[in-house]
Amino acid sequence: MLEKERIFLDSHSAELLKEYGGKILVISGEEVTGAFDTMEQALEGAATKHGLANVLIRRPAEAQIELRAPALTLGILNANSTHAGDGTSENGKR
């Protein structure tokens, strides 16, 4: 999984570092599809552009970090929940 993305990042790390600096990159296939300042922005950008597809999210100069969310992939959790963060639903009920 994500082998093509890893190979692309490893073989282009110097030029990606030069072009994007310390940005967090979203890589799909052999293409950078987003460059972000924070991990939160990168996750949001990746989800918006790629939905549940697997993408590599990483800074060019860092050790590899992968995020896998099998519960989202399998549909066990829904990232577009209508529940508030305090455990209540939109109508205030638990």
Protein backbone atom coordinates (compact mmCIF):
# COMPACT_ATOMS: atom_id res chain seq x y z
CA MET A 1 0.00 0.00 0.00
CA LEU A 2 1.31 3.45 -0.96
CA GLU A 3 4.43 1.92 -2.51
CA LYS A 4 4.23 4.15 -5.59
CA GLU A 5 3.94 7.24 -3.38
CA ARG A 6 6.89 6.17 -1.20
CA ILE A 7 9.09 5.55 -4.23
CA PHE A 8 8.11 8.93 -5.70
CA LEU A 9 8.89 10.74 -2.44
CA ASP A 10 12.19 8.93 -1.90
CA SER A 11 13.39 9.49 -5.46
CA HIS A 12 12.34 13.17 -5.53
CA SER A 13 12.93 14.17 -1.89
CA ALA A 14 15.67 16.73 -2.64
CA GLU A 15 13.64 18.58 -5.28
CA LEU A 16 10.44 18.37 -3.20
CA LEU A 17 12.29 19.77 -0.19
CA LYS A 18 13.66 22.59 -2.34
CA GLU A 19 10.25 23.37 -3.87
CA TYR A 20 8.03 22.96 -0.79
CA GLY A 21 10.46 23.49 2.11
CA GLY A 22 9.00 22.34 5.41
CA LYS A 23 5.44 21.97 4.13
CA ILE A 24 3.52 18.77 4.77
CA LEU A 25 2.78 17.18 1.40
CA VAL A 26 -0.16 15.09 0.27
CA ILE A 27 1.04 12.65 -2.39
CA SER A 28 -1.19 10.53 -4.58
CA GLY A 29 0.53 8.30 -7.13
CA GLU A 30 3.42 10.31 -8.49
CA GLU A 31 1.87 13.71 -7.85
CA VAL A 32 1.89 16.22 -5.01
CA THR A 33 -1.76 17.16 -4.64
CA GLY A 34 -1.35 19.55 -1.74
CA ALA A 35 1.22 21.33 0.44
CA PHE A 36 0.20 22.47 3.92
CA ASP A 37 1.63 24.14 7.02
CA THR A 38 -0.01 21.86 9.61
CA MET A 39 -0.97 18.21 9.81
CA GLU A 40 -4.59 19.21 10.45
CA GLN A 41 -4.67 21.22 7.21
CA ALA A 42 -3.03 18.34 5.33
CA LEU A 43 -5.57 15.83 6.65
CA GLU A 44 -8.47 18.12 5.79
CA GLY A 45 -7.07 18.85 2.33
CA ALA A 46 -6.45 15.16 1.64
CA ALA A 47 -9.95 14.20 2.77
CA THR A 48 -11.52 16.96 0.67
CA LYS A 49 -9.59 16.11 -2.48
CA HIS A 50 -9.26 12.32 -2.17
CA GLY A 51 -12.10 11.20 0.11
CA LEU A 52 -11.30 7.79 1.58
CA ALA A 53 -8.55 6.97 -0.95
CA ASN A 54 -5.13 6.19 0.51
CA VAL A 55 -2.58 8.97 0.18
CA LEU A 56 0.85 9.58 1.67
CA ILE A 57 1.06 12.59 3.98
CA ARG A 58 4.58 13.61 4.91
CA ARG A 59 7.24 16.30 4.97
CA PRO A 60 9.97 15.52 2.45
CA ALA A 61 12.77 15.51 5.05
CA GLU A 62 11.06 13.57 7.86
CA ALA A 63 10.97 9.92 8.75
CA GLN A 64 7.95 8.37 7.13
CA ILE A 65 4.65 8.84 8.96
CA GLU A 66 1.55 7.09 7.71
CA LEU A 67 -1.98 7.46 8.90
CA ARG A 68 -4.39 4.63 8.38
CA ALA A 69 -7.97 4.79 9.54
CA PRO A 70 -9.45 1.34 8.90
CA ALA A 71 -12.68 2.27 10.69
CA LEU A 72 -13.22 5.10 8.20
CA THR A 73 -12.19 2.95 5.25
CA LEU A 74 -14.59 0.18 6.26
CA GLY A 75 -17.41 2.61 6.96
CA ILE A 76 -17.53 1.79 10.68
CA LEU A 77 -17.03 5.49 11.50
CA ASN A 78 -18.31 8.43 9.51
CA ALA A 79 -16.04 11.47 9.26
CA ASN A 80 -19.08 13.66 8.55
CA SER A 81 -20.77 12.99 11.86
CA THR A 82 -23.72 15.18 12.83
CA HIS A 83 -22.82 14.84 16.51
CA ALA A 84 -21.20 17.66 18.42
CA GLY A 85 -17.82 17.08 20.05
CA ASP A 86 -19.38 16.95 23.55
CA GLY A 87 -21.29 13.73 22.90
CA THR A 88 -24.61 15.39 22.12
CA SER A 89 -26.41 15.39 18.81
CA GLU A 90 -27.51 18.49 16.90
CA ASN A 91 -30.72 18.67 18.95
CA GLY A 92 -28.80 18.55 22.25
CA LYS A 93 -29.75 14.97 23.17
CA ARG A 94 -27.25 12.27 24.04
